[in-house]
Every structure is written in C-alpha cells, then in structure tokens.
Amino acid sequence: MNKLLLIGALPPPVGGDAVWLKNFINHSLNQDLNIKIINTSFIGQRASQLGNNFYFLDEFRRTIKIWGLTFFNLILFKPEVVHLNCNCSKFGVIRDYF
C-alpha cells in the first residue's frame, strides 16, 4: 500500500483545486493507496466572506496550521509521495514555497 500525503483545499468553496482533490479522492477509493489530507481551505472571516479581502491574523493562523500539520505528517505518517496544490495568489505561493 502506497502512502500519499495530499496538501490542498477541500470544498467548500468549490473551485478548481478543491474539485480536483475531491475527484482524486473518489478515484483513489479503487486504488491501493493510504491517503492523508491536509485541508488548506480558508478559515475565519475569509471563509465566511469570500472575496478579495485579506485578513492577516486568519491567514497567519491558517499558515501555521498548514505547516504544523505538514511537518507532523511527514514525521509520523512517512509518506512515499507528497502532492501540494499550490494556491496561485501572491501570498499563497510564498507560503507554499517555504
């Protein structure tokens, strides 16, 4: 059984990355995969008020959560493959780069 760590957004909101990840999970049910998912969806005010507003504190908390879960899963789950759906926004690319 192959171990796979997926880092990406799950619905809601429904968008390109979220739909891809949902379809991949549905497809993987027929495969011999052990999958862990780190959900990178919006949290806080930005999750309830989708738009172009940027809430620094919410994004900071979200970044720390994503990084913490990633390192935790790399150490304990020891995946063979890690797939990251990078958000192509000016802050998303910087966060995912690190």
N, C-alpha and C. Protein backbone atom coordinates (compact mmCIF):
# COMPACT_ATOMS: atom_id res chain seq x y z
N MET A 1 0.85 -1.18 0.00
CA MET A 1 0.00 0.00 0.00
C MET A 1 0.89 1.24 0.00
N ASN A 2 0.65 2.10 -0.95
CA ASN A 2 1.42 3.34 -1.07
C ASN A 2 0.85 4.41 -0.16
N LYS A 3 1.75 5.16 0.48
CA LYS A 3 1.34 6.26 1.34
C LYS A 3 1.46 7.57 0.58
N LEU A 4 0.38 8.35 0.60
CA LEU A 4 0.32 9.60 -0.13
C LEU A 4 -0.19 10.70 0.79
N LEU A 5 0.53 11.81 0.82
CA LEU A 5 0.10 12.99 1.58
C LEU A 5 -0.36 14.04 0.58
N LEU A 6 -1.64 14.42 0.64
CA LEU A 6 -2.20 15.44 -0.23
C LEU A 6 -2.38 16.72 0.56
N ILE A 7 -1.85 17.81 0.04
CA ILE A 7 -1.99 19.11 0.69
C ILE A 7 -2.75 20.00 -0.28
N GLY A 8 -4.00 20.31 0.06
CA GLY A 8 -4.82 21.12 -0.83
C GLY A 8 -6.16 21.45 -0.21
N ALA A 9 -6.89 22.29 -0.90
CA ALA A 9 -8.19 22.75 -0.41
C ALA A 9 -9.28 21.73 -0.72
N LEU A 10 -10.13 21.52 0.27
CA LEU A 10 -11.33 20.71 0.10
C LEU A 10 -12.54 21.64 0.06
N PRO A 11 -13.61 21.26 -0.64
CA PRO A 11 -14.80 22.11 -0.64
C PRO A 11 -15.38 22.22 0.77
N PRO A 12 -16.08 23.26 1.13
CA PRO A 12 -16.31 24.46 0.35
C PRO A 12 -15.14 25.44 0.48
N PRO A 13 -14.96 26.41 -0.31
CA PRO A 13 -15.73 26.70 -1.52
C PRO A 13 -15.29 25.78 -2.65
N VAL A 14 -16.19 25.60 -3.59
CA VAL A 14 -15.89 24.76 -4.73
C VAL A 14 -15.10 25.57 -5.74
N GLY A 15 -13.98 25.06 -6.14
CA GLY A 15 -13.12 25.72 -7.12
C GLY A 15 -12.27 24.68 -7.81
N GLY A 16 -11.35 25.11 -8.62
CA GLY A 16 -10.53 24.20 -9.40
C GLY A 16 -9.75 23.21 -8.56
N ASP A 17 -8.98 23.70 -7.58
CA ASP A 17 -8.18 22.81 -6.74
C ASP A 17 -9.04 21.89 -5.89
N ALA A 18 -10.09 22.44 -5.33
CA ALA A 18 -10.97 21.65 -4.46
C ALA A 18 -11.67 20.54 -5.25
N VAL A 19 -12.11 20.85 -6.46
CA VAL A 19 -12.76 19.83 -7.29
C VAL A 19 -11.76 18.76 -7.69
N TRP A 20 -10.54 19.16 -8.05
CA TRP A 20 -9.51 18.18 -8.42
C TRP A 20 -9.24 17.24 -7.26
N LEU A 21 -9.07 17.78 -6.06
CA LEU A 21 -8.76 16.96 -4.89
C LEU A 21 -9.91 16.02 -4.57
N LYS A 22 -11.14 16.50 -4.65
CA LYS A 22 -12.31 15.66 -4.40
C LYS A 22 -12.39 14.52 -5.42
N ASN A 23 -12.15 14.83 -6.69
CA ASN A 23 -12.17 13.79 -7.73
C ASN A 23 -11.04 12.79 -7.54
N PHE A 24 -9.88 13.25 -7.12
CA PHE A 24 -8.75 12.34 -6.89
C PHE A 24 -9.06 11.38 -5.75
N ILE A 25 -9.67 11.90 -4.69
CA ILE A 25 -10.03 11.05 -3.55
C ILE A 25 -11.03 9.99 -3.98
N ASN A 26 -12.04 10.39 -4.76
CA ASN A 26 -13.02 9.43 -5.25
C ASN A 26 -12.38 8.37 -6.13
N HIS A 27 -11.43 8.76 -6.96
CA HIS A 27 -10.71 7.82 -7.82
C HIS A 27 -9.84 6.88 -7.00
N SER A 28 -9.24 7.39 -5.95
CA SER A 28 -8.30 6.60 -5.16
C SER A 28 -8.99 5.52 -4.33
N LEU A 29 -10.31 5.59 -4.19
CA LEU A 29 -11.03 4.55 -3.45
C LEU A 29 -10.87 3.19 -4.12
N ASN A 30 -10.61 3.19 -5.43
CA ASN A 30 -10.43 1.94 -6.17
C ASN A 30 -8.96 1.52 -6.24
N GLN A 31 -8.08 2.30 -5.67
CA GLN A 31 -6.64 2.04 -5.74
C GLN A 31 -6.14 1.55 -4.38
N ASP A 32 -4.91 1.08 -4.38
CA ASP A 32 -4.29 0.61 -3.14
C ASP A 32 -3.46 1.75 -2.55
N LEU A 33 -4.16 2.80 -2.05
CA LEU A 33 -3.49 3.98 -1.53
C LEU A 33 -3.93 4.26 -0.10
N ASN A 34 -2.98 4.65 0.72
CA ASN A 34 -3.27 5.14 2.06
C ASN A 34 -3.04 6.64 2.00
N ILE A 35 -4.12 7.41 2.06
CA ILE A 35 -4.04 8.86 1.84
C ILE A 35 -4.31 9.62 3.12
N LYS A 36 -3.47 10.61 3.38
CA LYS A 36 -3.72 11.61 4.43
C LYS A 36 -3.91 12.93 3.70
N ILE A 37 -4.85 13.74 4.19
CA ILE A 37 -5.15 15.01 3.55
C ILE A 37 -4.95 16.14 4.54
N ILE A 38 -4.27 17.19 4.10
CA ILE A 38 -4.16 18.43 4.86
C ILE A 38 -5.01 19.45 4.13
N ASN A 39 -6.09 19.87 4.77
CA ASN A 39 -7.03 20.80 4.15
C ASN A 39 -6.50 22.23 4.28
N THR A 40 -6.35 22.91 3.15
CA THR A 40 -5.82 24.27 3.15
C THR A 40 -6.91 25.31 2.86
N SER A 41 -8.17 24.92 3.04
CA SER A 41 -9.28 25.85 2.77
C SER A 41 -9.20 27.05 3.71
N PHE A 42 -9.88 28.12 3.31
CA PHE A 42 -9.91 29.34 4.11
C PHE A 42 -10.51 29.08 5.48
N ILE A 43 -10.07 29.86 6.46
CA ILE A 43 -10.63 29.80 7.81
C ILE A 43 -11.01 31.21 8.24
N GLY A 44 -11.77 31.33 9.30
CA GLY A 44 -12.09 32.63 9.87
C GLY A 44 -12.99 33.47 8.98
N GLN A 45 -12.78 34.79 9.00
CA GLN A 45 -13.63 35.73 8.28
C GLN A 45 -13.58 35.51 6.78
N ARG A 46 -12.45 35.13 6.27
CA ARG A 46 -12.31 34.96 4.83
C ARG A 46 -13.14 33.77 4.33
N ALA A 47 -13.34 32.76 5.17
CA ALA A 47 -14.13 31.60 4.78
C ALA A 47 -15.61 31.96 4.67
N SER A 48 -16.07 32.84 5.54
CA SER A 48 -17.49 33.20 5.51
C SER A 48 -17.78 34.36 4.56
N GLN A 49 -16.78 35.14 4.21
CA GLN A 49 -16.96 36.29 3.32
C GLN A 49 -15.97 36.17 2.16
N LEU A 50 -16.22 35.23 1.27
CA LEU A 50 -15.29 35.02 0.16
C LEU A 50 -15.20 36.27 -0.69
N GLY A 51 -14.02 36.64 -1.01
CA GLY A 51 -13.79 37.83 -1.81
C GLY A 51 -12.31 38.12 -1.83
N ASN A 52 -11.97 39.35 -2.10
CA ASN A 52 -10.58 39.73 -2.19
C ASN A 52 -10.01 40.24 -0.87
N ASN A 53 -10.81 40.27 0.18
CA ASN A 53 -10.32 40.77 1.47
C ASN A 53 -9.27 39.82 2.03
N PHE A 54 -8.23 40.39 2.61
CA PHE A 54 -7.16 39.62 3.21
C PHE A 54 -7.12 39.94 4.69
N TYR A 55 -7.31 38.92 5.52
CA TYR A 55 -7.28 39.08 6.97
C TYR A 55 -5.98 38.46 7.47
N PHE A 56 -5.03 39.32 7.85
CA PHE A 56 -3.69 38.86 8.18
C PHE A 56 -3.70 37.82 9.30
N LEU A 57 -4.42 38.06 10.37
CA LEU A 57 -4.41 37.13 11.50
C LEU A 57 -4.96 35.76 11.11
N ASP A 58 -6.06 35.75 10.35
CA ASP A 58 -6.62 34.47 9.89
C ASP A 58 -5.65 33.73 8.98
N GLU A 59 -5.01 34.47 8.07
CA GLU A 59 -4.06 33.84 7.16
C GLU A 59 -2.82 33.35 7.90
N PHE A 60 -2.39 34.09 8.92
CA PHE A 60 -1.25 33.67 9.72
C PHE A 60 -1.58 32.36 10.45
N ARG A 61 -2.75 32.31 11.07
CA ARG A 61 -3.18 31.08 11.76
C ARG A 61 -3.29 29.91 10.79
N ARG A 62 -3.85 30.18 9.62
CA ARG A 62 -4.00 29.14 8.60
C ARG A 62 -2.64 28.62 8.16
N THR A 63 -1.68 29.52 7.95
CA THR A 63 -0.34 29.13 7.53
C THR A 63 0.34 28.27 8.59
N ILE A 64 0.27 28.69 9.83
CA ILE A 64 0.88 27.92 10.93
C ILE A 64 0.24 26.54 11.02
N LYS A 65 -1.07 26.46 10.87
CA LYS A 65 -1.78 25.18 10.91
C LYS A 65 -1.32 24.27 9.78
N ILE A 66 -1.23 24.80 8.57
CA ILE A 66 -0.80 24.00 7.41
C ILE A 66 0.63 23.51 7.61
N TRP A 67 1.54 24.39 8.01
CA TRP A 67 2.93 23.99 8.23
C TRP A 67 3.04 22.94 9.33
N GLY A 68 2.33 23.16 10.44
CA GLY A 68 2.39 22.21 11.55
C GLY A 68 1.88 20.83 11.14
N LEU A 69 0.74 20.79 10.48
CA LEU A 69 0.20 19.50 10.05
C LEU A 69 1.09 18.82 9.02
N THR A 70 1.72 19.62 8.17
CA THR A 70 2.62 19.05 7.16
C THR A 70 3.82 18.38 7.83
N PHE A 71 4.50 19.10 8.71
CA PHE A 71 5.66 18.53 9.39
C PHE A 71 5.28 17.33 10.25
N PHE A 72 4.16 17.43 10.95
CA PHE A 72 3.67 16.33 11.79
C PHE A 72 3.46 15.07 10.94
N ASN A 73 2.80 15.24 9.79
CA ASN A 73 2.52 14.08 8.93
C ASN A 73 3.77 13.56 8.23
N LEU A 74 4.72 14.43 7.90
CA LEU A 74 5.96 13.96 7.30
C LEU A 74 6.74 13.08 8.27
N ILE A 75 6.71 13.44 9.54
CA ILE A 75 7.46 12.68 10.55
C ILE A 75 6.74 11.40 10.94
N LEU A 76 5.45 11.48 11.24
CA LEU A 76 4.74 10.31 11.76
C LEU A 76 4.16 9.40 10.68
N PHE A 77 3.58 9.97 9.62
CA PHE A 77 2.95 9.18 8.57
C PHE A 77 3.98 8.64 7.58
N LYS A 78 5.08 9.35 7.38
CA LYS A 78 6.17 8.98 6.47
C LYS A 78 5.65 8.61 5.08
N PRO A 79 5.07 9.59 4.39
CA PRO A 79 4.52 9.31 3.07
C PRO A 79 5.62 9.03 2.03
N GLU A 80 5.26 8.24 1.04
CA GLU A 80 6.17 7.98 -0.08
C GLU A 80 6.10 9.12 -1.09
N VAL A 81 4.92 9.73 -1.22
CA VAL A 81 4.71 10.82 -2.16
C VAL A 81 3.94 11.93 -1.45
N VAL A 82 4.35 13.18 -1.70
CA VAL A 82 3.63 14.35 -1.20
C VAL A 82 3.21 15.17 -2.41
N HIS A 83 1.92 15.49 -2.47
CA HIS A 83 1.41 16.33 -3.56
C HIS A 83 0.84 17.60 -2.95
N LEU A 84 1.32 18.75 -3.43
CA LEU A 84 0.88 20.05 -2.94
C LEU A 84 0.15 20.80 -4.04
N ASN A 85 -1.11 21.15 -3.80
CA ASN A 85 -1.84 22.04 -4.71
C ASN A 85 -1.55 23.46 -4.25
N CYS A 86 -0.73 24.14 -5.00
CA CYS A 86 -0.30 25.49 -4.63
C CYS A 86 -1.33 26.51 -5.08
N ASN A 87 -1.72 27.39 -4.17
CA ASN A 87 -2.64 28.47 -4.48
C ASN A 87 -1.86 29.58 -5.18
N CYS A 88 -2.27 29.90 -6.38
CA CYS A 88 -1.52 30.89 -7.18
C CYS A 88 -1.93 32.32 -6.85
N SER A 89 -1.87 32.67 -5.60
CA SER A 89 -2.07 34.06 -5.19
C SER A 89 -0.72 34.56 -4.68
N LYS A 90 -0.61 35.87 -4.50
CA LYS A 90 0.70 36.39 -4.10
C LYS A 90 1.14 35.88 -2.74
N PHE A 91 0.21 35.64 -1.82
CA PHE A 91 0.61 35.12 -0.51
C PHE A 91 0.64 33.59 -0.49
N GLY A 92 -0.23 32.96 -1.29
CA GLY A 92 -0.26 31.50 -1.32
C GLY A 92 1.02 30.89 -1.83
N VAL A 93 1.58 31.47 -2.88
CA VAL A 93 2.83 30.95 -3.44
C VAL A 93 3.97 31.12 -2.45
N ILE A 94 4.02 32.25 -1.77
CA ILE A 94 5.07 32.47 -0.77
C ILE A 94 4.95 31.47 0.38
N ARG A 95 3.74 31.27 0.88
CA ARG A 95 3.52 30.32 1.97
C ARG A 95 3.90 28.91 1.54
N ASP A 96 3.48 28.49 0.37
CA ASP A 96 3.74 27.14 -0.10
C ASP A 96 5.22 26.94 -0.46
N TYR A 97 5.89 28.00 -0.85
CA TYR A 97 7.31 27.90 -1.18
C TYR A 97 8.11 27.46 0.04
N PHE A 98 7.80 28.05 1.20
CA PHE A 98 8.52 27.68 2.42
C PHE A 98 8.12 26.29 2.88
